């Protein structure tokens, strides 16, 4: 009889420990899910910022190309005028 009582107590302790571990795992899962959600939000914000900066860089590169082409055109026009009218163009 005493042996059965010890087994029941041991089983009860085992069940209690199992329940405690289960609650701990559930709490840990909830914390990890919160962290994952926060990290996902941060990643999305950084991706958005990265895309914004990439578009700005592309716009600036396009502006440089357009302005460079305009400068080349003006320089060639100046050379053409100097040949036609013997006008000196400023050096670039």
Protein backbone atom coordinates (compact mmCIF):
# COMPACT_ATOMS: atom_id res chain seq x y z
CA UNK A 1 0.00 0.00 0.00
CA UNK A 2 2.77 2.45 0.88
CA UNK A 3 4.48 1.58 -2.40
CA UNK A 4 1.32 2.47 -4.35
CA UNK A 5 1.10 5.76 -2.46
CA UNK A 6 4.69 6.61 -3.40
CA UNK A 7 3.93 5.78 -7.03
CA UNK A 8 0.87 8.03 -6.98
CA UNK A 9 2.91 10.88 -5.47
CA UNK A 10 5.69 10.34 -8.01
CA UNK A 11 3.15 10.30 -10.85
CA UNK A 12 1.54 13.44 -9.47
CA UNK A 13 4.91 15.20 -9.30
CA UNK A 14 5.71 14.04 -12.83
CA UNK A 15 2.37 15.40 -14.12
CA UNK A 16 2.95 18.71 -12.30
CA UNK A 17 6.45 19.03 -13.77
CA UNK A 18 5.09 18.19 -17.22
CA UNK A 19 2.37 20.82 -16.86
CA UNK A 20 4.93 23.37 -15.68
CA UNK A 21 7.20 22.58 -18.65
CA UNK A 22 4.25 22.81 -21.02
CA UNK A 23 3.27 26.25 -19.65
CA UNK A 24 6.89 27.36 -19.92
CA UNK A 25 7.04 26.22 -23.54
CA UNK A 26 3.75 27.98 -24.32
CA UNK A 27 5.05 31.19 -22.73
CA UNK A 28 8.33 30.87 -24.59
CA UNK A 29 6.47 30.32 -27.87
CA UNK A 30 4.40 33.46 -27.24
CA UNK A 31 7.54 35.51 -26.56
CA UNK A 32 9.25 34.15 -29.67
CA UNK A 33 6.15 34.93 -31.75
CA UNK A 34 6.20 38.54 -30.46
CA UNK A 35 9.89 38.83 -31.33
CA UNK A 36 9.26 37.40 -34.78
CA UNK A 37 6.45 39.87 -35.38
CA UNK A 38 8.64 42.79 -34.26
CA UNK A 39 11.55 41.65 -36.42
CA UNK A 40 9.22 41.26 -39.41
CA UNK A 41 8.01 44.83 -38.93
CA UNK A 42 11.61 46.07 -38.70
CA UNK A 43 12.59 44.13 -41.81
CA UNK A 44 9.66 45.55 -43.76
CA UNK A 45 10.58 49.09 -42.70
CA UNK A 46 14.21 48.56 -43.71
CA UNK A 47 13.18 47.07 -47.05
CA UNK A 48 10.96 50.09 -47.69
CA UNK A 49 13.79 52.47 -46.81
CA UNK A 50 16.20 50.50 -48.99
CA UNK A 51 13.81 50.68 -51.95
CA UNK A 52 13.28 54.40 -51.40
CA UNK A 53 17.04 55.02 -51.38
CA UNK A 54 17.51 52.84 -54.47
CA UNK A 55 14.88 54.85 -56.37
CA UNK A 56 16.48 58.11 -55.27
CA UNK A 57 19.87 56.85 -56.45
CA UNK A 58 18.40 55.86 -59.82
CA UNK A 59 16.81 59.31 -60.14
CA UNK A 60 20.13 60.97 -59.37
CA UNK A 61 21.96 58.77 -61.89
CA UNK A 62 19.36 59.69 -64.52
CA UNK A 63 19.78 63.40 -63.70
CA UNK A 64 23.57 63.10 -64.03
CA UNK A 65 23.20 61.38 -67.39
CA UNK A 66 20.76 64.01 -68.67
CA UNK A 67 22.87 66.93 -67.44
CA UNK A 68 26.05 65.34 -68.80
CA UNK A 69 24.40 64.94 -72.18
CA UNK A 70 23.25 68.55 -72.07
CA UNK A 71 26.78 69.71 -71.27
CA UNK A 72 28.19 67.66 -74.16
CA UNK A 73 25.60 69.12 -76.51
CA UNK A 74 26.41 72.68 -75.41
CA UNK A 75 30.13 72.06 -75.76
CA UNK A 76 29.73 70.65 -79.26
CA UNK A 77 27.48 73.57 -80.17
CA UNK A 78 30.13 75.96 -78.86
CA UNK A 79 32.83 74.23 -80.91
CA UNK A 80 30.59 74.45 -83.96
CA UNK A 81 30.04 78.16 -83.36
CA UNK A 82 33.73 78.81 -82.89
CA UNK A 83 34.50 77.13 -86.21
CA UNK A 84 31.79 79.12 -87.94
CA UNK A 85 32.44 82.48 -86.30
CA UNK A 86 35.94 82.11 -84.91
CA UNK A 87 34.68 82.50 -81.35
CA UNK A 88 36.71 81.01 -78.52
CA UNK A 89 34.78 78.59 -76.29
CA UNK A 90 35.66 78.29 -72.64
CA UNK A 91 37.43 75.05 -71.86
CA UNK A 92 35.58 72.48 -69.82
